[in-house]
Amino acid sequence: MRFFNPGEPETDRTLAQVLRWKLARQSVKWPTKVAVVPVVPEPNVEGLRVTVIGHATVLIQAAGLNILTDPVWSTRASPFRHVGPKRVTAPGIEFDHLPRIDAVLLSHNHYDHLDLDTLRRLHHRDAPLIVTPLGNDTIVRRHLRGARTVAGDWWDSFELGQGAEVHIVPAVHWSSRTLRDRRMALWGGFVLRTRSGVLCFTGDTGYGSGSVFKAIRDRLGPCDLALVPIGAYMPRWFMAAQHCDPDEALQIMLDLDTRKAVGIHWGTFDLTDEAREEPPERLRAALARHGIDPDRFEIGFPGAVVSAYHCENELTLQEGRPSPAGEPQEPADRSIARR
């Protein structure tokens, strides 16, 4: 059985297409290291707060719960320890400064998202519940005996405690960890509903027809914060079906009807052809072009913190800094179709 994206562009690429991209690659050289001074989060937060770690890894603190998205603290996003994309930014929170983690939202099985070394460290330290789309739990349990996992289809939901629940939602993407398991595990995003607010983590996604994000809004309502990818999108002929660009990321924010968005999935691992600083530059230009306040869609630098809090019975949003060790150096139907 293999999963696919109903009604969306084909994400599979042939060997010839991969070679065409690699041989003609026009990537801009990235820096080998970008300075980051990590922050130290509070142990618990009653409101809704996110701290960007880097790439798609974010600490969500909501209603007393501590939740990680796609946790990667490893040096490389690769099946190999000494080969593959190497991180150029240190994590925005050092691993030993993480609060106790209650749950992990694991969007899919690509190596820059499902990092077994980091999951192993979290399992041994905190044994968090790992919530993930179908099939990824098998990968985790194969390598981490005793890991607590729950897996579901798009639109399935799970209780996390403290009155919080998480819904697995569609994304336009694909999966594989070897040459023989393409699309054999499901991919997706998450909507986290808590008494402190609602957050959407889109996971890795292309924009496609846009119907995915409109469906999330229609089924689950607007959200207060959204974590949306803005990088790893060039060349478009190769990447458009699987990774949105900054203009599409802005449209996702609007389709989700979110009060505020944070741009993630950029600037940590050199994966595609755009320059490192291009995603935030293009996002700022898109916001200006549409007359949207740039504070509504912030750039997720490692160590950046965004808080949502209740004030006079109305949810408002502002930037926050919890106990900083220092400042960063930089400014459809329920069932997924199968075949």
C-alpha atoms as a PDB file:
ATOM      1  CA  MET A   1       0.000   0.000   0.000  1.00  0.00           C
ATOM      2  CA  ARG A   2       1.237   3.469  -0.904  1.00  0.00           C
ATOM      3  CA  PHE A   3      -0.246   6.857   0.010  1.00  0.00           C
ATOM      4  CA  PHE A   4      -0.684   9.774  -2.356  1.00  0.00           C
ATOM      5  CA  ASN A   5      -2.136  13.290  -2.503  1.00  0.00           C
ATOM      6  CA  PRO A   6      -5.664  13.142  -3.975  1.00  0.00           C
ATOM      7  CA  GLY A   7      -6.240  15.816  -6.588  1.00  0.00           C
ATOM      8  CA  GLU A   8      -2.781  17.344  -6.173  1.00  0.00           C
ATOM      9  CA  PRO A   9       0.353  17.467  -8.372  1.00  0.00           C
ATOM     10  CA  GLU A  10       2.527  14.371  -8.587  1.00  0.00           C
ATOM     11  CA  THR A  11       5.407  14.445  -6.093  1.00  0.00           C
ATOM     12  CA  ASP A  12       7.386  11.451  -7.399  1.00  0.00           C
ATOM     13  CA  ARG A  13      10.550  12.293  -9.314  1.00  0.00           C
ATOM     14  CA  THR A  14      12.413   9.985 -11.682  1.00  0.00           C
ATOM     15  CA  LEU A  15      16.140   9.300 -11.513  1.00  0.00           C
ATOM     16  CA  ALA A  16      16.508  11.300 -14.736  1.00  0.00           C
ATOM     17  CA  GLN A  17      14.823  14.290 -13.112  1.00  0.00           C
ATOM     18  CA  VAL A  18      17.023  14.026 -10.026  1.00  0.00           C
ATOM     19  CA  LEU A  19      20.137  13.910 -12.214  1.00  0.00           C
ATOM     20  CA  ARG A  20      18.882  16.855 -14.278  1.00  0.00           C
ATOM     21  CA  TRP A  21      18.556  18.904 -11.077  1.00  0.00           C
ATOM     22  CA  LYS A  22      21.871  17.844  -9.565  1.00  0.00           C
ATOM     23  CA  LEU A  23      23.911  18.269 -12.742  1.00  0.00           C
ATOM     24  CA  ALA A  24      22.459  21.694 -13.539  1.00  0.00           C
ATOM     25  CA  ARG A  25      22.272  22.853  -9.927  1.00  0.00           C
ATOM     26  CA  GLN A  26      22.651  26.609  -9.576  1.00  0.00           C
ATOM     27  CA  SER A  27      22.714  26.745  -5.771  1.00  0.00           C
ATOM     28  CA  VAL A  28      24.242  29.735  -4.004  1.00  0.00           C
ATOM     29  CA  LYS A  29      26.984  28.954  -1.515  1.00  0.00           C
ATOM     30  CA  TRP A  30      25.741  29.013   2.073  1.00  0.00           C
ATOM     31  CA  PRO A  31      27.807  30.089   5.088  1.00  0.00           C
ATOM     32  CA  THR A  32      29.258  27.173   7.026  1.00  0.00           C
ATOM     33  CA  LYS A  33      28.093  28.660  10.321  1.00  0.00           C
ATOM     34  CA  VAL A  34      25.641  31.353  11.411  1.00  0.00           C
ATOM     35  CA  ALA A  35      25.922  32.539  15.013  1.00  0.00           C
ATOM     36  CA  VAL A  36      22.992  31.787  17.325  1.00  0.00           C
ATOM     37  CA  VAL A  37      22.799  32.375  21.068  1.00  0.00           C
ATOM     38  CA  PRO A  38      20.251  29.900  22.455  1.00  0.00           C
ATOM     39  CA  VAL A  39      17.470  30.855  24.854  1.00  0.00           C
ATOM     40  CA  VAL A  40      16.410  28.987  28.000  1.00  0.00           C
ATOM     41  CA  PRO A  41      12.649  28.367  28.133  1.00  0.00           C
ATOM     42  CA  GLU A  42      10.570  28.351  31.285  1.00  0.00           C
ATOM     43  CA  PRO A  43       9.612  24.868  32.561  1.00  0.00           C
ATOM     44  CA  ASN A  44       5.884  25.486  31.999  1.00  0.00           C
ATOM     45  CA  VAL A  45       3.761  28.129  30.321  1.00  0.00           C
ATOM     46  CA  GLU A  46       0.032  28.570  30.864  1.00  0.00           C
ATOM     47  CA  GLY A  47      -0.469  30.611  27.726  1.00  0.00           C
ATOM     48  CA  LEU A  48       0.516  29.642  24.180  1.00  0.00           C
ATOM     49  CA  ARG A  49       4.177  30.185  23.317  1.00  0.00           C
ATOM     50  CA  VAL A  50       6.514  28.830  20.647  1.00  0.00           C
ATOM     51  CA  THR A  51      10.310  28.887  20.553  1.00  0.00           C
ATOM     52  CA  VAL A  52      12.020  28.180  17.242  1.00  0.00           C
ATOM     53  CA  ILE A  53      14.819  25.592  17.479  1.00  0.00           C
ATOM     54  CA  GLY A  54      15.716  25.462  13.782  1.00  0.00           C
ATOM     55  CA  HIS A  55      14.429  23.985  10.520  1.00  0.00           C
ATOM     56  CA  ALA A  56      11.035  22.411  11.407  1.00  0.00           C
ATOM     57  CA  THR A  57      11.840  21.934  15.100  1.00  0.00           C
ATOM     58  CA  VAL A  58       9.805  24.171  17.405  1.00  0.00           C
ATOM     59  CA  LEU A  59       9.039  23.981  21.121  1.00  0.00           C
ATOM     60  CA  ILE A  60       5.336  24.590  21.727  1.00  0.00           C
ATOM     61  CA  GLN A  61       4.346  25.478  25.280  1.00  0.00           C
ATOM     62  CA  ALA A  62       0.605  25.590  25.843  1.00  0.00           C
ATOM     63  CA  ALA A  63      -1.645  25.129  28.870  1.00  0.00           C
ATOM     64  CA  GLY A  64       1.192  23.587  30.890  1.00  0.00           C
ATOM     65  CA  LEU A  65       2.220  21.126  28.159  1.00  0.00           C
ATOM     66  CA  ASN A  66       5.607  21.060  26.397  1.00  0.00           C
ATOM     67  CA  ILE A  67       5.481  19.734  22.832  1.00  0.00           C
ATOM     68  CA  LEU A  68       8.147  19.441  20.121  1.00  0.00           C
ATOM     69  CA  THR A  69       7.597  19.403  16.372  1.00  0.00           C
ATOM     70  CA  ASP A  70       9.887  17.226  14.224  1.00  0.00           C
ATOM     71  CA  PRO A  71      12.781  17.328  16.740  1.00  0.00           C
ATOM     72  CA  VAL A  72      16.266  17.395  15.188  1.00  0.00           C
ATOM     73  CA  TRP A  73      19.308  18.173  17.353  1.00  0.00           C
ATOM     74  CA  SER A  74      21.711  16.134  15.212  1.00  0.00           C
ATOM     75  CA  THR A  75      24.534  17.781  13.282  1.00  0.00           C
ATOM     76  CA  ARG A  76      23.405  16.327   9.951  1.00  0.00           C
ATOM     77  CA  ALA A  77      20.028  15.650   8.318  1.00  0.00           C
ATOM     78  CA  SER A  78      21.151  12.362   6.841  1.00  0.00           C
ATOM     79  CA  PRO A  79      21.152   8.570   7.314  1.00  0.00           C
ATOM     80  CA  PHE A  80      24.943   8.916   7.709  1.00  0.00           C
ATOM     81  CA  ARG A  81      26.886  10.567  10.529  1.00  0.00           C
ATOM     82  CA  HIS A  82      29.637  12.048   8.367  1.00  0.00           C
ATOM     83  CA  VAL A  83      27.905  12.705   5.034  1.00  0.00           C
ATOM     84  CA  GLY A  84      24.873  14.788   4.157  1.00  0.00           C
ATOM     85  CA  PRO A  85      23.482  18.273   4.849  1.00  0.00           C
ATOM     86  CA  LYS A  86      25.163  19.771   7.910  1.00  0.00           C
ATOM     87  CA  ARG A  87      23.430  22.314  10.092  1.00  0.00           C
ATOM     88  CA  VAL A  88      24.736  25.864   9.880  1.00  0.00           C
ATOM     89  CA  THR A  89      22.786  27.178  12.889  1.00  0.00           C
ATOM     90  CA  ALA A  90      23.010  25.752  16.396  1.00  0.00           C
ATOM     91  CA  PRO A  91      19.652  24.812  17.931  1.00  0.00           C
ATOM     92  CA  GLY A  92      17.754  27.760  19.396  1.00  0.00           C
ATOM     93  CA  ILE A  93      17.515  25.797  22.662  1.00  0.00           C
ATOM     94  CA  GLU A  94      20.317  23.524  23.793  1.00  0.00           C
ATOM     95  CA  PHE A  95      19.032  19.987  24.328  1.00  0.00           C
ATOM     96  CA  ASP A  96      19.972  19.952  28.017  1.00  0.00           C
ATOM     97  CA  HIS A  97      17.975  23.153  28.536  1.00  0.00           C
ATOM     98  CA  LEU A  98      14.753  21.676  27.196  1.00  0.00           C
ATOM     99  CA  PRO A  99      11.934  21.415  29.723  1.00  0.00           C
ATOM    100  CA  ARG A 100      10.335  18.016  30.216  1.00  0.00           C
ATOM    101  CA  ILE A 101       8.698  17.108  26.894  1.00  0.00           C
ATOM    102  CA  ASP A 102       5.189  15.669  27.067  1.00  0.00           C
ATOM    103  CA  ALA A 103       4.594  14.973  23.374  1.00  0.00           C
ATOM    104  CA  VAL A 104       6.235  15.032  19.948  1.00  0.00           C
ATOM    105  CA  LEU A 105       4.369  15.864  16.736  1.00  0.00           C
ATOM    106  CA  LEU A 106       6.182  13.949  13.986  1.00  0.00           C
ATOM    107  CA  SER A 107       5.006  15.004  10.530  1.00  0.00           C
ATOM    108  CA  HIS A 108       6.728  12.447   8.271  1.00  0.00           C
ATOM    109  CA  ASN A 109       9.792  10.260   7.881  1.00  0.00           C
ATOM    110  CA  HIS A 110      12.333  12.325   5.885  1.00  0.00           C
ATOM    111  CA  TYR A 111      15.696  12.558   7.650  1.00  0.00           C
ATOM    112  CA  ASP A 112      15.437  16.288   8.294  1.00  0.00           C
ATOM    113  CA  HIS A 113      12.231  15.599  10.264  1.00  0.00           C
ATOM    114  CA  LEU A 114      12.429  12.084  11.715  1.00  0.00           C
ATOM    115  CA  ASP A 115      15.782  12.045  13.516  1.00  0.00           C
ATOM    116  CA  LEU A 116      16.177   8.793  15.422  1.00  0.00           C
ATOM    117  CA  ASP A 117      19.153   9.979  17.461  1.00  0.00           C
ATOM    118  CA  THR A 118      17.165  12.894  18.856  1.00  0.00           C
ATOM    119  CA  LEU A 119      14.062  10.770  19.428  1.00  0.00           C
ATOM    120  CA  ARG A 120      16.222   8.271  21.304  1.00  0.00           C
ATOM    121  CA  ARG A 121      17.556  11.005  23.604  1.00  0.00           C
ATOM    122  CA  LEU A 122      14.034  12.277  24.247  1.00  0.00           C
ATOM    123  CA  HIS A 123      12.700   8.770  24.857  1.00  0.00           C
ATOM    124  CA  HIS A 124      15.407   7.944  27.390  1.00  0.00           C
ATOM    125  CA  ARG A 125      14.972  11.257  29.181  1.00  0.00           C
ATOM    126  CA  ASP A 126      11.212  11.949  29.086  1.00  0.00           C
ATOM    127  CA  ALA A 127       9.428   9.101  27.220  1.00  0.00           C
ATOM    128  CA  PRO A 128       7.112  11.595  25.433  1.00  0.00           C
ATOM    129  CA  LEU A 129       4.069  10.470  23.490  1.00  0.00           C
ATOM    130  CA  ILE A 130       4.898  10.550  19.754  1.00  0.00           C
ATOM    131  CA  VAL A 131       1.901  11.456  17.576  1.00  0.00           C
ATOM    132  CA  THR A 132       2.403  10.780  13.880  1.00  0.00           C
ATOM    133  CA  PRO A 133       0.625   9.853  10.645  1.00  0.00           C
ATOM    134  CA  LEU A 134       0.239   6.187   9.726  1.00  0.00           C
ATOM    135  CA  GLY A 135       3.385   4.107   9.271  1.00  0.00           C
ATOM    136  CA  ASN A 136       5.910   6.397  10.931  1.00  0.00           C
ATOM    137  CA  ASP A 137       5.201   4.768  14.301  1.00  0.00           C
ATOM    138  CA  THR A 138       6.510   1.481  12.899  1.00  0.00           C
ATOM    139  CA  ILE A 139       9.841   3.124  12.043  1.00  0.00           C
ATOM    140  CA  VAL A 140      10.115   4.649  15.508  1.00  0.00           C
ATOM    141  CA  ARG A 141       9.245   1.465  17.397  1.00  0.00           C
ATOM    142  CA  ARG A 142      11.619  -0.598  15.265  1.00  0.00           C
ATOM    143  CA  HIS A 143      14.525   1.478  16.592  1.00  0.00           C
ATOM    144  CA  LEU A 144      13.230   2.623  19.993  1.00  0.00           C
ATOM    145  CA  ARG A 145      11.901  -0.249  22.043  1.00  0.00           C
ATOM    146  CA  GLY A 146       9.160   0.890  24.384  1.00  0.00           C
ATOM    147  CA  ALA A 147       8.559   4.208  22.637  1.00  0.00           C
ATOM    148  CA  ARG A 148       5.063   5.575  23.257  1.00  0.00           C
ATOM    149  CA  THR A 149       3.452   6.189  19.871  1.00  0.00           C
ATOM    150  CA  VAL A 150       0.002   6.799  18.415  1.00  0.00           C
ATOM    151  CA  ALA A 151      -0.563   6.943  14.678  1.00  0.00           C
ATOM    152  CA  GLY A 152      -3.539   8.034  12.648  1.00  0.00           C
ATOM    153  CA  ASP A 153      -4.985   8.965   9.291  1.00  0.00           C
ATOM    154  CA  TRP A 154      -5.721  12.518   8.214  1.00  0.00           C
ATOM    155  CA  TRP A 155      -8.452  14.032  10.454  1.00  0.00           C
ATOM    156  CA  ASP A 156      -7.886  11.575  13.319  1.00  0.00           C
ATOM    157  CA  SER A 157      -7.469  13.181  16.742  1.00  0.00           C
ATOM    158  CA  PHE A 158      -5.834  12.252  20.049  1.00  0.00           C
ATOM    159  CA  GLU A 159      -6.082  13.541  23.628  1.00  0.00           C
ATOM    160  CA  LEU A 160      -2.854  14.877  25.130  1.00  0.00           C
ATOM    161  CA  GLY A 161      -4.057  15.696  28.643  1.00  0.00           C
ATOM    162  CA  GLN A 162      -4.591  19.097  30.285  1.00  0.00           C
ATOM    163  CA  GLY A 163      -7.659  19.451  28.080  1.00  0.00           C
ATOM    164  CA  ALA A 164      -5.545  19.485  24.898  1.00  0.00           C
ATOM    165  CA  GLU A 165      -6.175  17.497  21.740  1.00  0.00           C
ATOM    166  CA  VAL A 166      -4.248  17.188  18.496  1.00  0.00           C
ATOM    167  CA  HIS A 167      -5.677  16.535  15.032  1.00  0.00           C
ATOM    168  CA  ILE A 168      -3.609  15.076  12.194  1.00  0.00           C
ATOM    169  CA  VAL A 169      -4.380  17.105   9.070  1.00  0.00           C
ATOM    170  CA  PRO A 170      -3.483  16.805   5.362  1.00  0.00           C
ATOM    171  CA  ALA A 171      -0.314  18.149   3.749  1.00  0.00           C
ATOM    172  CA  VAL A 172       0.885  18.003   0.136  1.00  0.00           C
ATOM    173  CA  HIS A 173       4.100  16.028   0.388  1.00  0.00           C
ATOM    174  CA  TRP A 174       5.529  12.475   0.257  1.00  0.00           C
ATOM    175  CA  SER A 175       7.729  10.117   2.284  1.00  0.00           C
ATOM    176  CA  SER A 176      10.671   7.723   2.130  1.00  0.00           C
ATOM    177  CA  ARG A 177      13.796   6.757   4.059  1.00  0.00           C
ATOM    178  CA  THR A 178      15.182   4.216   1.571  1.00  0.00           C
ATOM    179  CA  LEU A 179      15.011   3.598  -2.178  1.00  0.00           C
ATOM    180  CA  ARG A 180      12.220   1.056  -1.662  1.00  0.00           C
ATOM    181  CA  ASP A 181       9.711   2.662   0.709  1.00  0.00           C
ATOM    182  CA  ARG A 182       8.518   5.739  -1.186  1.00  0.00           C
ATOM    183  CA  ARG A 183       5.078   6.841   0.051  1.00  0.00           C
ATOM    184  CA  MET A 184       4.653   3.750   2.258  1.00  0.00           C
ATOM    185  CA  ALA A 185       4.222   5.960   5.342  1.00  0.00           C
ATOM    186  CA  LEU A 186       1.787   8.866   5.522  1.00  0.00           C
ATOM    187  CA  TRP A 187       2.731  12.541   5.901  1.00  0.00           C
ATOM    188  CA  GLY A 188       0.717  15.385   7.387  1.00  0.00           C
ATOM    189  CA  GLY A 189       0.425  18.395   9.648  1.00  0.00           C
ATOM    190  CA  PHE A 190      -1.264  18.984  12.990  1.00  0.00           C
ATOM    191  CA  VAL A 191      -3.820  21.246  14.613  1.00  0.00           C
ATOM    192  CA  LEU A 192      -3.292  21.509  18.368  1.00  0.00           C
ATOM    193  CA  ARG A 193      -6.301  22.697  20.360  1.00  0.00           C
ATOM    194  CA  THR A 194      -5.700  23.804  23.954  1.00  0.00           C
ATOM    195  CA  ARG A 195      -7.428  25.996  26.510  1.00  0.00           C
ATOM    196  CA  SER A 196      -4.711  28.591  25.790  1.00  0.00           C
ATOM    197  CA  GLY A 197      -5.288  28.747  22.046  1.00  0.00           C
ATOM    198  CA  VAL A 198      -5.130  26.840  18.764  1.00  0.00           C
ATOM    199  CA  LEU A 199      -1.937  26.177  16.805  1.00  0.00           C
ATOM    200  CA  CYS A 200      -1.438  24.705  13.333  1.00  0.00           C
ATOM    201  CA  PHE A 201       1.860  23.069  12.329  1.00  0.00           C
ATOM    202  CA  THR A 202       1.561  22.428   8.607  1.00  0.00           C
ATOM    203  CA  GLY A 203       4.505  20.009   8.369  1.00  0.00           C
ATOM    204  CA  ASP A 204       6.338  19.938   5.045  1.00  0.00           C
ATOM    205  CA  THR A 205       3.952  20.865   2.272  1.00  0.00           C
ATOM    206  CA  GLY A 206       3.498  22.231  -1.190  1.00  0.00           C
ATOM    207  CA  TYR A 207       0.590  24.569  -1.853  1.00  0.00           C
ATOM    208  CA  GLY A 208      -0.914  22.605  -4.720  1.00  0.00           C
ATOM    209  CA  SER A 209      -4.545  23.479  -5.354  1.00  0.00           C
ATOM    210  CA  GLY A 210      -4.862  25.088  -1.931  1.00  0.00           C
ATOM    211  CA  SER A 211      -7.834  22.879  -1.082  1.00  0.00           C
ATOM    212  CA  VAL A 212      -5.927  21.228   1.779  1.00  0.00           C
ATOM    213  CA  PHE A 213      -5.628  24.436   3.796  1.00  0.00           C
ATOM    214  CA  LYS A 214      -9.162  25.586   3.099  1.00  0.00           C
ATOM    215  CA  ALA A 215     -10.376  22.170   4.295  1.00  0.00           C
ATOM    216  CA  ILE A 216      -8.401  22.504   7.537  1.00  0.00           C
ATOM    217  CA  ARG A 217      -9.997  25.914   8.156  1.00  0.00           C
ATOM    218  CA  ASP A 218     -13.472  24.659   7.288  1.00  0.00           C
ATOM    219  CA  ARG A 219     -13.266  21.568   9.507  1.00  0.00           C
ATOM    220  CA  LEU A 220     -11.335  22.874  12.487  1.00  0.00           C
ATOM    221  CA  GLY A 221     -11.852  26.633  12.419  1.00  0.00           C
ATOM    222  CA  PRO A 222      -9.300  29.456  12.518  1.00  0.00           C
ATOM    223  CA  CYS A 223      -6.140  29.216  14.594  1.00  0.00           C
ATOM    224  CA  ASP A 224      -4.139  31.632  16.697  1.00  0.00           C
ATOM    225  CA  LEU A 225      -0.644  30.618  15.595  1.00  0.00           C
ATOM    226  CA  ALA A 226       0.566  28.723  12.528  1.00  0.00           C
ATOM    227  CA  LEU A 227       4.000  27.251  11.844  1.00  0.00           C
ATOM    228  CA  VAL A 228       4.449  27.418   8.065  1.00  0.00           C
ATOM    229  CA  PRO A 229       7.500  26.408   5.960  1.00  0.00           C
ATOM    230  CA  ILE A 230       9.070  29.143   3.841  1.00  0.00           C
ATOM    231  CA  GLY A 231      12.273  27.502   2.523  1.00  0.00           C
ATOM    232  CA  ALA A 232      13.697  24.609   0.443  1.00  0.00           C
ATOM    233  CA  TYR A 233      11.700  25.504  -2.686  1.00  0.00           C
ATOM    234  CA  MET A 234      14.163  25.898  -5.596  1.00  0.00           C
ATOM    235  CA  PRO A 235      14.210  24.953  -8.426  1.00  0.00           C
ATOM    236  CA  ARG A 236      10.462  25.287  -8.727  1.00  0.00           C
ATOM    237  CA  TRP A 237      10.094  22.740 -11.539  1.00  0.00           C
ATOM    238  CA  PHE A 238      11.422  20.116  -9.128  1.00  0.00           C
ATOM    239  CA  MET A 239      10.241  21.352  -5.713  1.00  0.00           C
ATOM    240  CA  ALA A 240       6.876  23.080  -6.256  1.00  0.00           C
ATOM    241  CA  ALA A 241       4.793  19.944  -5.709  1.00  0.00           C
ATOM    242  CA  GLN A 242       6.349  19.254  -2.310  1.00  0.00           C
ATOM    243  CA  HIS A 243       7.586  22.570  -0.807  1.00  0.00           C
ATOM    244  CA  CYS A 244       5.786  25.915  -0.860  1.00  0.00           C
ATOM    245  CA  ASP A 245       7.703  29.110  -1.586  1.00  0.00           C
ATOM    246  CA  PRO A 246       7.289  32.291   0.522  1.00  0.00           C
ATOM    247  CA  ASP A 247       4.431  33.647  -1.630  1.00  0.00           C
ATOM    248  CA  GLU A 248       2.553  30.360  -1.221  1.00  0.00           C
ATOM    249  CA  ALA A 249       3.369  30.301   2.501  1.00  0.00           C
ATOM    250  CA  LEU A 250       1.629  33.663   2.803  1.00  0.00           C
ATOM    251  CA  GLN A 251      -1.394  32.254   0.986  1.00  0.00           C
ATOM    252  CA  ILE A 252      -1.421  29.296   3.396  1.00  0.00           C
ATOM    253  CA  MET A 253      -1.551  31.755   6.299  1.00  0.00           C
ATOM    254  CA  LEU A 254      -4.550  33.453   4.705  1.00  0.00           C
ATOM    255  CA  ASP A 255      -6.285  30.176   3.832  1.00  0.00           C
ATOM    256  CA  LEU A 256      -5.885  28.921   7.413  1.00  0.00           C
ATOM    257  CA  ASP A 257      -7.332  32.206   8.706  1.00  0.00           C
ATOM    258  CA  THR A 258      -4.642  32.353  11.377  1.00  0.00           C
ATOM    259  CA  ARG A 259      -4.039  35.436  13.502  1.00  0.00           C
ATOM    260  CA  LYS A 260      -0.281  35.057  13.235  1.00  0.00           C
ATOM    261  CA  ALA A 261       2.250  32.831  11.455  1.00  0.00           C
ATOM    262  CA  VAL A 262       5.894  31.922  12.020  1.00  0.00           C
ATOM    263  CA  GLY A 263       8.080  31.019   9.036  1.00  0.00           C
ATOM    264  CA  ILE A 264      10.070  27.830   9.617  1.00  0.00           C
ATOM    265  CA  HIS A 265      11.941  25.230   7.505  1.00  0.00           C
ATOM    266  CA  TRP A 266      14.646  27.554   6.222  1.00  0.00           C
ATOM    267  CA  GLY A 267      18.236  28.559   6.991  1.00  0.00           C
ATOM    268  CA  THR A 268      19.408  25.531   9.010  1.00  0.00           C
ATOM    269  CA  PHE A 269      20.194  22.847   6.397  1.00  0.00           C
ATOM    270  CA  ASP A 270      21.326  23.615   2.829  1.00  0.00           C
ATOM    271  CA  LEU A 271      18.886  21.351   0.975  1.00  0.00           C
ATOM    272  CA  THR A 272      17.950  23.171  -2.240  1.00  0.00           C
ATOM    273  CA  ASP A 273      19.077  25.914  -4.612  1.00  0.00           C
ATOM    274  CA  GLU A 274      17.988  29.220  -3.068  1.00  0.00           C
ATOM    275  CA  ALA A 275      20.387  31.416  -1.102  1.00  0.00           C
ATOM    276  CA  ARG A 276      20.100  31.115   2.662  1.00  0.00           C
ATOM    277  CA  GLU A 277      18.624  34.600   3.153  1.00  0.00           C
ATOM    278  CA  GLU A 278      16.264  34.453   0.190  1.00  0.00           C
ATOM    279  CA  PRO A 279      13.199  32.967   1.988  1.00  0.00           C
ATOM    280  CA  PRO A 280      12.865  35.758   4.600  1.00  0.00           C
ATOM    281  CA  GLU A 281      13.609  38.418   1.966  1.00  0.00           C
ATOM    282  CA  ARG A 282      10.923  37.056  -0.347  1.00  0.00           C
ATOM    283  CA  LEU A 283       8.443  36.726   2.510  1.00  0.00           C
ATOM    284  CA  ARG A 284       8.953  40.349   3.563  1.00  0.00           C
ATOM    285  CA  ALA A 285       8.466  41.440  -0.059  1.00  0.00           C
ATOM    286  CA  ALA A 286       5.258  39.400  -0.366  1.00  0.00           C
ATOM    287  CA  LEU A 287       3.862  40.900   2.844  1.00  0.00           C
ATOM    288  CA  ALA A 288       4.652  44.418   1.612  1.00  0.00           C
ATOM    289  CA  ARG A 289       3.115  43.690  -1.799  1.00  0.00           C
ATOM    290  CA  HIS A 290      -0.147  42.593  -0.184  1.00  0.00           C
ATOM    291  CA  GLY A 291      -0.173  45.359   2.417  1.00  0.00           C
ATOM    292  CA  ILE A 292       0.006  42.918   5.343  1.00  0.00           C
ATOM    293  CA  ASP A 293       1.656  43.935   8.605  1.00  0.00           C
ATOM    294  CA  PRO A 294       5.019  42.094   8.724  1.00  0.00           C
ATOM    295  CA  ASP A 295       4.418  41.375  12.423  1.00  0.00           C
ATOM    296  CA  ARG A 296       1.611  39.041  11.370  1.00  0.00           C
ATOM    297  CA  PHE A 297       4.072  36.633   9.688  1.00  0.00           C
ATOM    298  CA  GLU A 298       7.360  36.542  11.573  1.00  0.00           C
ATOM    299  CA  ILE A 299      10.633  34.985  10.453  1.00  0.00           C
ATOM    300  CA  GLY A 300      11.500  31.977  12.600  1.00  0.00           C
ATOM    301  CA  PHE A 301      15.140  32.608  13.494  1.00  0.00           C
ATOM    302  CA  PRO A 302      16.593  30.022  15.924  1.00  0.00           C
ATOM    303  CA  GLY A 303      15.836  31.266  19.425  1.00  0.00           C
ATOM    304  CA  ALA A 304      12.906  33.451  18.293  1.00  0.00           C
ATOM    305  CA  VAL A 305       9.923  33.326  20.643  1.00  0.00           C
ATOM    306  CA  VAL A 306       6.293  34.186  19.905  1.00  0.00           C
ATOM    307  CA  SER A 307       3.655  34.182  22.633  1.00  0.00           C
ATOM    308  CA  ALA A 308      -0.117  34.207  22.555  1.00  0.00           C
ATOM    309  CA  TYR A 309      -1.866  35.152  25.755  1.00  0.00           C
ATOM    310  CA  HIS A 310      -5.339  35.952  27.027  1.00  0.00           C
ATOM    311  CA  CYS A 311      -5.981  39.562  27.980  1.00  0.00           C
ATOM    312  CA  GLU A 312      -9.409  40.918  28.946  1.00  0.00           C
ATOM    313  CA  ASN A 313     -11.036  37.751  27.564  1.00  0.00           C
ATOM    314  CA  GLU A 314      -9.536  38.346  24.123  1.00  0.00           C
ATOM    315  CA  LEU A 315      -6.622  36.396  22.629  1.00  0.00           C
ATOM    316  CA  THR A 316      -3.872  38.757  21.532  1.00  0.00           C
ATOM    317  CA  LEU A 317      -0.392  38.095  20.246  1.00  0.00           C
ATOM    318  CA  GLN A 318       3.028  39.499  20.962  1.00  0.00           C
ATOM    319  CA  GLU A 319       6.682  38.615  20.826  1.00  0.00           C
ATOM    320  CA  GLY A 320       8.230  37.246  23.999  1.00  0.00           C
ATOM    321  CA  ARG A 321      11.576  36.223  25.432  1.00  0.00           C
ATOM    322  CA  PRO A 322      11.468  33.580  28.209  1.00  0.00           C
ATOM    323  CA  SER A 323      14.577  33.657  30.439  1.00  0.00           C
ATOM    324  CA  PRO A 324      17.017  34.265  27.552  1.00  0.00           C
ATOM    325  CA  ALA A 325      20.578  33.051  27.798  1.00  0.00           C
ATOM    326  CA  GLY A 326      21.237  35.634  25.065  1.00  0.00           C
ATOM    327  CA  GLU A 327      19.738  36.993  21.889  1.00  0.00           C
ATOM    328  CA  PRO A 328      20.045  35.472  18.395  1.00  0.00           C
ATOM    329  CA  GLN A 329      22.576  37.203  16.264  1.00  0.00           C
ATOM    330  CA  GLU A 330      20.051  37.591  13.399  1.00  0.00           C
ATOM    331  CA  PRO A 331      17.277  39.808  13.103  1.00  0.00           C
ATOM    332  CA  ALA A 332     -11.404  16.749   1.633  1.00  0.00           C
ATOM    333  CA  ASP A 333     -13.003  13.531   3.041  1.00  0.00           C
ATOM    334  CA  ARG A 334     -11.667  11.869   6.149  1.00  0.00           C
ATOM    335  CA  SER A 335      -9.738   9.012   4.601  1.00  0.00           C
ATOM    336  CA  ILE A 336      -6.502   9.560   2.722  1.00  0.00           C
ATOM    337  CA  ALA A 337      -6.565   7.875  -0.676  1.00  0.00           C
ATOM    338  CA  ARG A 338      -4.263   4.898  -0.987  1.00  0.00           C
ATOM    339  CA  ARG A 339      -3.093   2.865  -3.893  1.00  0.00           C
END
